[in-house]
Amino acid sequence: MKRNLLVTLADNNYVEQAKQLFSSMYWNAGWQGDYMLLAYDIPEKDLQWFRDKGILVRKCEPILEESEARIGHAPLTTLCKFYLFTPEFKKWGNVVFLDGDIVVRGSLDTLAQAEGFAAARILNLARTLLKGQFQDPNKHNRCLFGELRRRCDLNKPAFNSGVMAFNTDIISEDDFQNLKDIFFRFKDILFISEETVLNIYFYDKWLELSQVYNICPSYEIYHSECSPDDLKGVILHTYSNFPGGKPWNPKSPLNSEWKTNLNKADIMDIANPQPARKMLGKQEEAEGDLYLKSLHKNNLYKYYRYRTYYKIRMFLRSKRLNFRRAVRSSYQNLLKRLSANL
């Protein structure tokens, strides 16, 4: 067992994505620690590939069974990130977690040296503050929002849970249960499910990582008009709504790189780490962070064009959701009346 642990999470739909992530870490990051897959509902035959590569597999029981009513817009699989904060992970000194829609281009030694809990601030315009992690307030959820505001200042920055780095000294026996308690308490107003819960739990306790360790590539390309080869990010995380989509999408500017990493997954030998392709010093991390945070400010016309597009998109989404709720409510009322007349 090594000192540090790299973890990703996958269900049956993300097996190839997990392979690509581990491959990009192996070939580009020079990772010296252990590798682990948090596996949710993946057939044993698919898990064997990871075991044969020396990748640890930790099967996850569902925290919430699949239900008709969606909670937030993230799949329920993502709730398995809560398992990271169970005492079994204290066997390692530091844990680095990466989402499956990530491409890694360089060393993550900075993340492996994190003290406390560290993550990168969200640059997405609608979610950069904590209030963007929740559904809109209304008369039905007024009490929950009142309780939430007594607990958190919703105008403080929020972090993205797709990249997390922490020293396992922060883990306590109660963390897993406490995270579940927050989820079930506020589930009716959560927007991103597990990310929102983690933001509540680590409120005022998280350290900010440089944006080079969690940048949406399409955000940088959109604002700077750079080529994919010139991106500043070390961790390219396709979490936003900018054009291009996920890297396995044939139209993505990262598709060729993603496929190359996936094709090289079969020849990984994690017992023999490769040298890192890129290593950033503290000054480079700070300069990259400032540059990436300033992009939208330096391109205000693009900023407002995207903000207008995003508001329209969210407005239409809200209308569709309200229509579905109205149809569901009418259908349920009809069933009740029919049952009463039988």
Protein backbone atom coordinates (compact mmCIF):
# COMPACT_ATOMS: atom_id res chain seq x y z
CA MET A 1 0.00 0.00 0.00
CA LYS A 2 1.27 3.44 -0.94
CA ARG A 3 0.84 6.75 0.86
CA ASN A 4 -1.54 8.42 -1.60
CA LEU A 5 -4.68 7.23 -3.35
CA LEU A 6 -6.30 8.34 -6.61
CA VAL A 7 -10.04 7.58 -6.85
CA THR A 8 -12.72 7.88 -9.49
CA LEU A 9 -16.37 6.79 -9.46
CA ALA A 10 -18.22 4.90 -12.18
CA ASP A 11 -21.38 2.98 -12.85
CA ASN A 12 -22.04 0.63 -15.76
CA ASN A 13 -22.33 3.61 -18.12
CA TYR A 14 -18.91 5.03 -17.22
CA VAL A 15 -16.56 2.04 -17.44
CA GLU A 16 -14.72 3.33 -20.52
CA GLN A 17 -14.52 6.78 -18.97
CA ALA A 18 -12.85 5.35 -15.86
CA LYS A 19 -10.30 3.52 -18.02
CA GLN A 20 -9.45 6.74 -19.87
CA LEU A 21 -9.08 8.67 -16.62
CA PHE A 22 -6.68 6.13 -15.11
CA SER A 23 -4.76 6.01 -18.40
CA SER A 24 -4.36 9.79 -18.58
CA MET A 25 -3.16 9.77 -14.96
CA TYR A 26 -0.66 7.00 -15.65
CA TRP A 27 0.79 8.38 -18.88
CA ASN A 28 0.64 12.11 -18.10
CA ALA A 29 0.68 12.70 -14.33
CA GLY A 30 3.46 10.38 -13.20
CA TRP A 31 1.20 9.21 -10.36
CA GLN A 32 3.17 7.34 -7.70
CA GLY A 33 0.26 6.30 -5.47
CA ASP A 34 -2.47 3.67 -5.52
CA TYR A 35 -5.48 3.71 -7.87
CA MET A 36 -9.06 2.92 -6.86
CA LEU A 37 -12.40 2.61 -8.61
CA LEU A 38 -15.57 3.28 -6.62
CA ALA A 39 -17.88 0.92 -8.48
CA TYR A 40 -21.66 1.29 -8.50
CA ASP A 41 -23.68 -1.47 -10.16
CA ILE A 42 -20.92 -2.62 -12.52
CA PRO A 43 -20.92 -6.29 -13.63
CA GLU A 44 -18.10 -8.40 -12.25
CA LYS A 45 -16.83 -9.20 -15.74
CA ASP A 46 -16.16 -5.49 -16.32
CA LEU A 47 -14.50 -5.03 -12.94
CA GLN A 48 -11.96 -7.74 -13.68
CA TRP A 49 -10.10 -5.47 -16.13
CA PHE A 50 -9.38 -3.01 -13.31
CA ARG A 51 -8.28 -5.72 -10.90
CA ASP A 52 -5.96 -7.20 -13.53
CA LYS A 53 -4.33 -3.78 -13.83
CA GLY A 54 -3.70 -3.58 -10.08
CA ILE A 55 -6.46 -1.00 -9.56
CA LEU A 56 -8.34 -1.40 -6.30
CA VAL A 57 -12.10 -1.86 -6.62
CA ARG A 58 -14.47 -0.74 -3.88
CA LYS A 59 -18.10 -1.70 -4.56
CA CYS A 60 -20.64 0.84 -3.34
CA GLU A 61 -24.10 0.14 -2.04
CA PRO A 62 -26.72 2.68 -3.16
CA ILE A 63 -27.29 5.52 -0.71
CA LEU A 64 -30.68 6.16 -2.24
CA GLU A 65 -32.57 3.67 -4.37
CA GLU A 66 -33.59 4.82 -7.84
CA SER A 67 -36.88 6.69 -7.63
CA GLU A 68 -39.28 8.37 -10.01
CA ALA A 69 -38.61 11.79 -8.48
CA ARG A 70 -35.16 13.07 -9.47
CA ILE A 71 -33.12 14.81 -6.77
CA GLY A 72 -30.99 17.53 -8.30
CA HIS A 73 -29.72 17.15 -11.85
CA ALA A 74 -26.82 14.78 -11.08
CA PRO A 75 -27.39 11.01 -11.24
CA LEU A 76 -27.82 9.22 -7.91
CA THR A 77 -24.55 7.38 -8.58
CA THR A 78 -22.66 10.53 -7.57
CA LEU A 79 -23.86 10.15 -3.96
CA CYS A 80 -21.29 7.35 -3.65
CA LYS A 81 -18.67 10.08 -3.26
CA PHE A 82 -19.76 10.12 0.39
CA TYR A 83 -17.91 6.80 0.83
CA LEU A 84 -14.64 8.72 0.46
CA PHE A 85 -15.19 10.05 3.97
CA THR A 86 -15.40 6.70 5.73
CA PRO A 87 -12.64 5.49 8.09
CA GLU A 88 -11.45 2.80 5.65
CA PHE A 89 -9.75 5.56 3.62
CA LYS A 90 -7.56 6.53 6.57
CA LYS A 91 -5.22 3.75 5.43
CA TRP A 92 -3.81 6.35 3.02
CA GLY A 93 -2.32 9.72 3.91
CA ASN A 94 -3.94 11.74 1.12
CA VAL A 95 -6.80 11.07 -1.28
CA VAL A 96 -7.33 12.72 -4.67
CA PHE A 97 -10.75 12.24 -6.26
CA LEU A 98 -11.43 12.96 -9.96
CA ASP A 99 -14.71 12.72 -11.87
CA GLY A 100 -14.88 10.41 -14.87
CA ASP A 101 -15.33 13.24 -17.41
CA ILE A 102 -11.78 14.50 -16.83
CA VAL A 103 -8.61 14.42 -18.91
CA VAL A 104 -5.34 14.82 -16.97
CA ARG A 105 -2.34 16.44 -18.65
CA GLY A 106 0.26 16.75 -15.91
CA SER A 107 1.43 16.13 -12.37
CA LEU A 108 -1.03 16.28 -9.47
CA ASP A 109 1.63 16.34 -6.75
CA THR A 110 0.15 19.59 -5.38
CA LEU A 111 -3.16 17.81 -4.80
CA ALA A 112 -1.44 14.84 -3.16
CA GLN A 113 0.09 17.25 -0.64
CA ALA A 114 -3.19 18.93 0.36
CA GLU A 115 -3.71 19.75 4.01
CA GLY A 116 -7.32 19.65 5.13
CA PHE A 117 -9.92 19.56 2.34
CA ALA A 118 -9.23 21.33 -0.97
CA ALA A 119 -11.27 21.95 -4.12
CA ALA A 120 -11.54 24.54 -6.89
CA ARG A 121 -14.07 27.33 -6.98
CA ILE A 122 -16.82 27.06 -9.60
CA LEU A 123 -16.49 29.57 -12.46
CA ASN A 124 -19.88 28.72 -14.00
CA LEU A 125 -21.82 32.00 -13.88
CA ALA A 126 -24.97 30.56 -12.34
CA ARG A 127 -23.24 28.45 -9.69
CA THR A 128 -20.16 30.39 -8.64
CA LEU A 129 -21.85 31.27 -5.33
CA LEU A 130 -23.33 28.86 -2.83
CA LYS A 131 -26.89 29.99 -3.61
CA GLY A 132 -26.43 28.58 -7.12
CA GLN A 133 -26.27 25.09 -5.57
CA PHE A 134 -29.98 25.14 -4.71
CA GLN A 135 -33.36 25.22 -6.37
CA ASP A 136 -35.18 28.55 -6.46
CA PRO A 137 -36.92 29.54 -3.19
CA ASN A 138 -40.71 29.39 -3.16
CA LYS A 139 -43.56 29.20 -0.67
CA HIS A 140 -43.23 25.42 -0.40
CA ASN A 141 -39.55 25.37 0.60
CA ARG A 142 -39.46 28.58 2.64
CA CYS A 143 -38.78 26.79 5.93
CA LEU A 144 -35.91 24.74 4.50
CA PHE A 145 -34.28 27.85 3.06
CA GLY A 146 -34.70 29.60 6.39
CA GLU A 147 -32.86 26.75 8.12
CA LEU A 148 -30.20 26.76 5.41
CA ARG A 149 -29.57 30.51 5.68
CA ARG A 150 -29.09 30.19 9.42
CA ARG A 151 -26.41 27.62 8.68
CA CYS A 152 -24.62 29.17 5.66
CA ASP A 153 -24.05 32.51 3.95
CA LEU A 154 -25.33 31.69 0.47
CA ASN A 155 -23.33 34.53 -1.07
CA LYS A 156 -20.02 32.78 -0.35
CA PRO A 157 -18.18 30.92 -3.14
CA ALA A 158 -19.02 27.30 -3.96
CA PHE A 159 -16.62 24.55 -5.02
CA ASN A 160 -16.92 21.88 -7.69
CA SER A 161 -16.89 18.32 -6.31
CA GLY A 162 -15.42 16.80 -9.48
CA VAL A 163 -11.90 17.41 -8.18
CA MET A 164 -11.29 17.00 -4.44
CA ALA A 165 -8.05 16.53 -2.53
CA PHE A 166 -7.78 15.94 1.19
CA ASN A 167 -5.60 14.65 3.98
CA THR A 168 -7.35 11.71 5.60
CA ASP A 169 -6.80 13.21 9.06
CA ILE A 170 -10.05 15.10 8.42
CA ILE A 171 -12.09 11.86 8.32
CA SER A 172 -14.11 11.00 11.42
CA GLU A 173 -16.41 8.10 12.27
CA ASP A 174 -19.50 10.29 11.79
CA ASP A 175 -18.73 11.90 8.43
CA PHE A 176 -20.57 9.39 6.24
CA GLN A 177 -23.73 9.50 8.33
CA ASN A 178 -23.57 13.29 8.66
CA LEU A 179 -23.36 13.66 4.88
CA LYS A 180 -26.37 11.39 4.42
CA ASP A 181 -28.30 13.34 7.07
CA ILE A 182 -27.68 16.61 5.21
CA PHE A 183 -28.74 15.00 1.95
CA PHE A 184 -32.05 13.72 3.31
CA ARG A 185 -32.72 16.95 5.20
CA PHE A 186 -32.27 19.27 2.20
CA LYS A 187 -33.00 16.90 -0.72
CA ASP A 188 -36.05 18.88 -1.83
CA ILE A 189 -33.99 22.00 -2.59
CA LEU A 190 -30.70 20.48 -3.82
CA PHE A 191 -29.63 21.39 -7.34
CA ILE A 192 -26.53 19.21 -7.83
CA SER A 193 -27.24 16.53 -5.18
CA GLU A 194 -23.84 15.36 -3.82
CA GLU A 195 -21.94 18.57 -4.71
CA THR A 196 -24.44 20.70 -2.82
CA VAL A 197 -24.27 18.42 0.24
CA LEU A 198 -20.46 18.56 0.27
CA ASN A 199 -20.57 22.35 0.01
CA ILE A 200 -22.80 22.48 3.07
CA TYR A 201 -20.66 20.01 5.01
CA PHE A 202 -17.36 21.71 4.25
CA TYR A 203 -18.78 25.22 4.48
CA ASP A 204 -16.05 27.65 5.57
CA LYS A 205 -13.61 24.71 5.91
CA TRP A 206 -12.37 24.17 2.36
CA LEU A 207 -9.11 25.39 0.86
CA GLU A 208 -9.12 26.75 -2.69
CA LEU A 209 -7.14 24.98 -5.41
CA SER A 210 -5.75 26.80 -8.43
CA GLN A 211 -8.11 26.73 -11.41
CA VAL A 212 -5.44 24.90 -13.42
CA TYR A 213 -6.52 21.81 -11.46
CA ASN A 214 -10.19 21.99 -12.45
CA ILE A 215 -10.90 24.04 -15.53
CA CYS A 216 -13.64 23.43 -18.07
CA PRO A 217 -11.73 23.34 -21.40
CA SER A 218 -14.66 24.72 -23.38
CA TYR A 219 -14.81 27.70 -20.97
CA GLU A 220 -11.17 28.52 -21.71
CA ILE A 221 -11.52 27.92 -25.47
CA TYR A 222 -14.74 29.99 -25.60
CA HIS A 223 -13.20 33.01 -23.90
CA SER A 224 -9.59 32.89 -25.12
CA GLU A 225 -10.15 31.28 -28.55
CA CYS A 226 -7.05 29.16 -27.93
CA SER A 227 -6.48 25.75 -29.44
CA PRO A 228 -6.89 22.59 -27.30
CA ASP A 229 -3.09 22.19 -27.29
CA ASP A 230 -2.64 25.61 -25.63
CA LEU A 231 -5.02 25.12 -22.71
CA LYS A 232 -3.60 26.23 -19.35
CA GLY A 233 -5.33 23.52 -17.36
CA VAL A 234 -3.62 20.45 -15.93
CA ILE A 235 -7.00 18.89 -15.15
CA LEU A 236 -9.53 19.42 -17.95
CA HIS A 237 -13.00 18.82 -16.55
CA THR A 238 -15.95 18.98 -18.96
CA TYR A 239 -18.54 19.93 -16.36
CA SER A 240 -20.08 23.04 -17.90
CA ASN A 241 -22.65 23.85 -20.58
CA PHE A 242 -20.20 25.44 -23.01
CA PRO A 243 -20.06 24.04 -26.56
CA GLY A 244 -18.14 20.82 -27.14
CA GLY A 245 -19.67 18.62 -24.48
CA LYS A 246 -17.97 15.59 -22.96
CA PRO A 247 -14.60 14.49 -24.38
CA TRP A 248 -15.98 11.21 -25.75
CA ASN A 249 -18.35 13.27 -27.91
CA PRO A 250 -16.95 13.18 -31.49
CA LYS A 251 -17.49 16.95 -31.73
CA SER A 252 -15.46 17.70 -28.61
CA PRO A 253 -12.12 19.48 -29.14
CA LEU A 254 -10.63 16.88 -26.75
CA ASN A 255 -12.05 13.81 -28.48
CA SER A 256 -8.82 12.76 -30.22
CA GLU A 257 -6.82 13.10 -26.98
CA TRP A 258 -9.48 11.22 -25.01
CA LYS A 259 -9.50 8.32 -27.49
CA THR A 260 -5.70 8.15 -27.47
CA ASN A 261 -5.68 7.86 -23.68
CA LEU A 262 -8.38 5.19 -23.78
CA ASN A 263 -6.51 3.18 -26.41
CA LYS A 264 -3.38 3.23 -24.23
CA ALA A 265 -5.24 2.00 -21.14
CA ASP A 266 -4.58 -1.65 -21.96
CA ILE A 267 -0.81 -1.20 -21.87
CA MET A 268 -0.64 0.58 -18.49
CA ASP A 269 1.69 -0.98 -15.93
CA ILE A 270 0.99 0.90 -12.71
CA ALA A 271 3.80 -0.97 -10.94
CA ASN A 272 6.13 1.09 -13.15
CA PRO A 273 4.99 4.75 -13.05
CA GLN A 274 5.76 7.00 -16.02
CA PRO A 275 7.35 10.45 -15.65
CA ALA A 276 4.96 13.41 -15.53
CA ARG A 277 4.53 15.22 -18.84
CA LYS A 278 4.02 18.58 -17.15
CA MET A 279 4.86 19.91 -13.70
CA LEU A 280 3.85 23.37 -12.47
CA GLY A 281 5.61 25.40 -9.82
CA LYS A 282 3.72 27.52 -7.29
CA GLN A 283 4.17 30.68 -9.37
CA GLU A 284 2.83 28.98 -12.50
CA GLU A 285 -0.17 27.69 -10.54
CA ALA A 286 -0.91 31.20 -9.24
CA GLU A 287 -0.47 32.84 -12.65
CA GLY A 288 -2.68 30.22 -14.30
CA ASP A 289 -5.32 30.68 -11.60
CA LEU A 290 -5.42 34.46 -12.11
CA TYR A 291 -5.51 34.11 -15.89
CA LEU A 292 -8.39 31.60 -15.89
CA LYS A 293 -10.45 33.55 -13.36
CA SER A 294 -10.01 36.74 -15.40
CA LEU A 295 -11.04 35.33 -18.78
CA HIS A 296 -14.72 36.27 -18.62
CA LYS A 297 -13.88 39.72 -17.22
CA ASN A 298 -11.59 40.38 -20.18
CA ASN A 299 -14.30 39.29 -22.62
CA LEU A 300 -17.39 40.98 -21.21
CA TYR A 301 -19.40 40.78 -24.43
CA LYS A 302 -18.98 37.00 -24.39
CA TYR A 303 -19.74 36.97 -20.67
CA TYR A 304 -23.10 38.69 -21.14
CA ARG A 305 -23.92 36.70 -24.28
CA TYR A 306 -23.40 33.45 -22.41
CA ARG A 307 -25.21 34.71 -19.31
CA THR A 308 -28.25 35.63 -21.44
CA TYR A 309 -28.14 32.22 -23.14
CA TYR A 310 -27.85 30.48 -19.75
CA LYS A 311 -30.78 32.43 -18.23
CA ILE A 312 -32.99 31.58 -21.21
CA ARG A 313 -31.97 27.94 -20.97
CA MET A 314 -32.72 27.80 -17.24
CA PHE A 315 -36.05 29.61 -17.76
CA LEU A 316 -37.15 27.06 -20.36
CA ARG A 317 -35.96 24.22 -18.15
CA SER A 318 -38.01 25.61 -15.25
CA LYS A 319 -41.09 25.85 -17.44
CA ARG A 320 -40.71 22.24 -18.54
CA LEU A 321 -40.28 21.06 -14.96
CA ASN A 322 -43.34 23.00 -13.80
CA PHE A 323 -45.38 21.52 -16.65
CA ARG A 324 -44.29 17.99 -15.73
CA ARG A 325 -45.14 18.59 -12.07
CA ALA A 326 -48.57 19.91 -13.04
CA VAL A 327 -49.25 16.87 -15.27
CA ARG A 328 -48.06 14.49 -12.54
CA SER A 329 -50.21 16.23 -9.92
CA SER A 330 -53.30 16.13 -12.17
CA TYR A 331 -52.70 12.45 -12.89
CA GLN A 332 -52.36 11.61 -9.19
CA ASN A 333 -55.53 13.56 -8.35
CA LEU A 334 -57.39 11.71 -11.10
CA LEU A 335 -56.26 8.36 -9.69
CA LYS A 336 -57.44 9.39 -6.22
CA ARG A 337 -60.88 10.34 -7.53
CA LEU A 338 -61.17 7.10 -9.49
CA SER A 339 -60.15 5.09 -6.41
CA ALA A 340 -62.70 6.91 -4.30
CA ASN A 341 -65.49 6.04 -6.76
CA LEU A 342 -64.65 2.34 -6.87
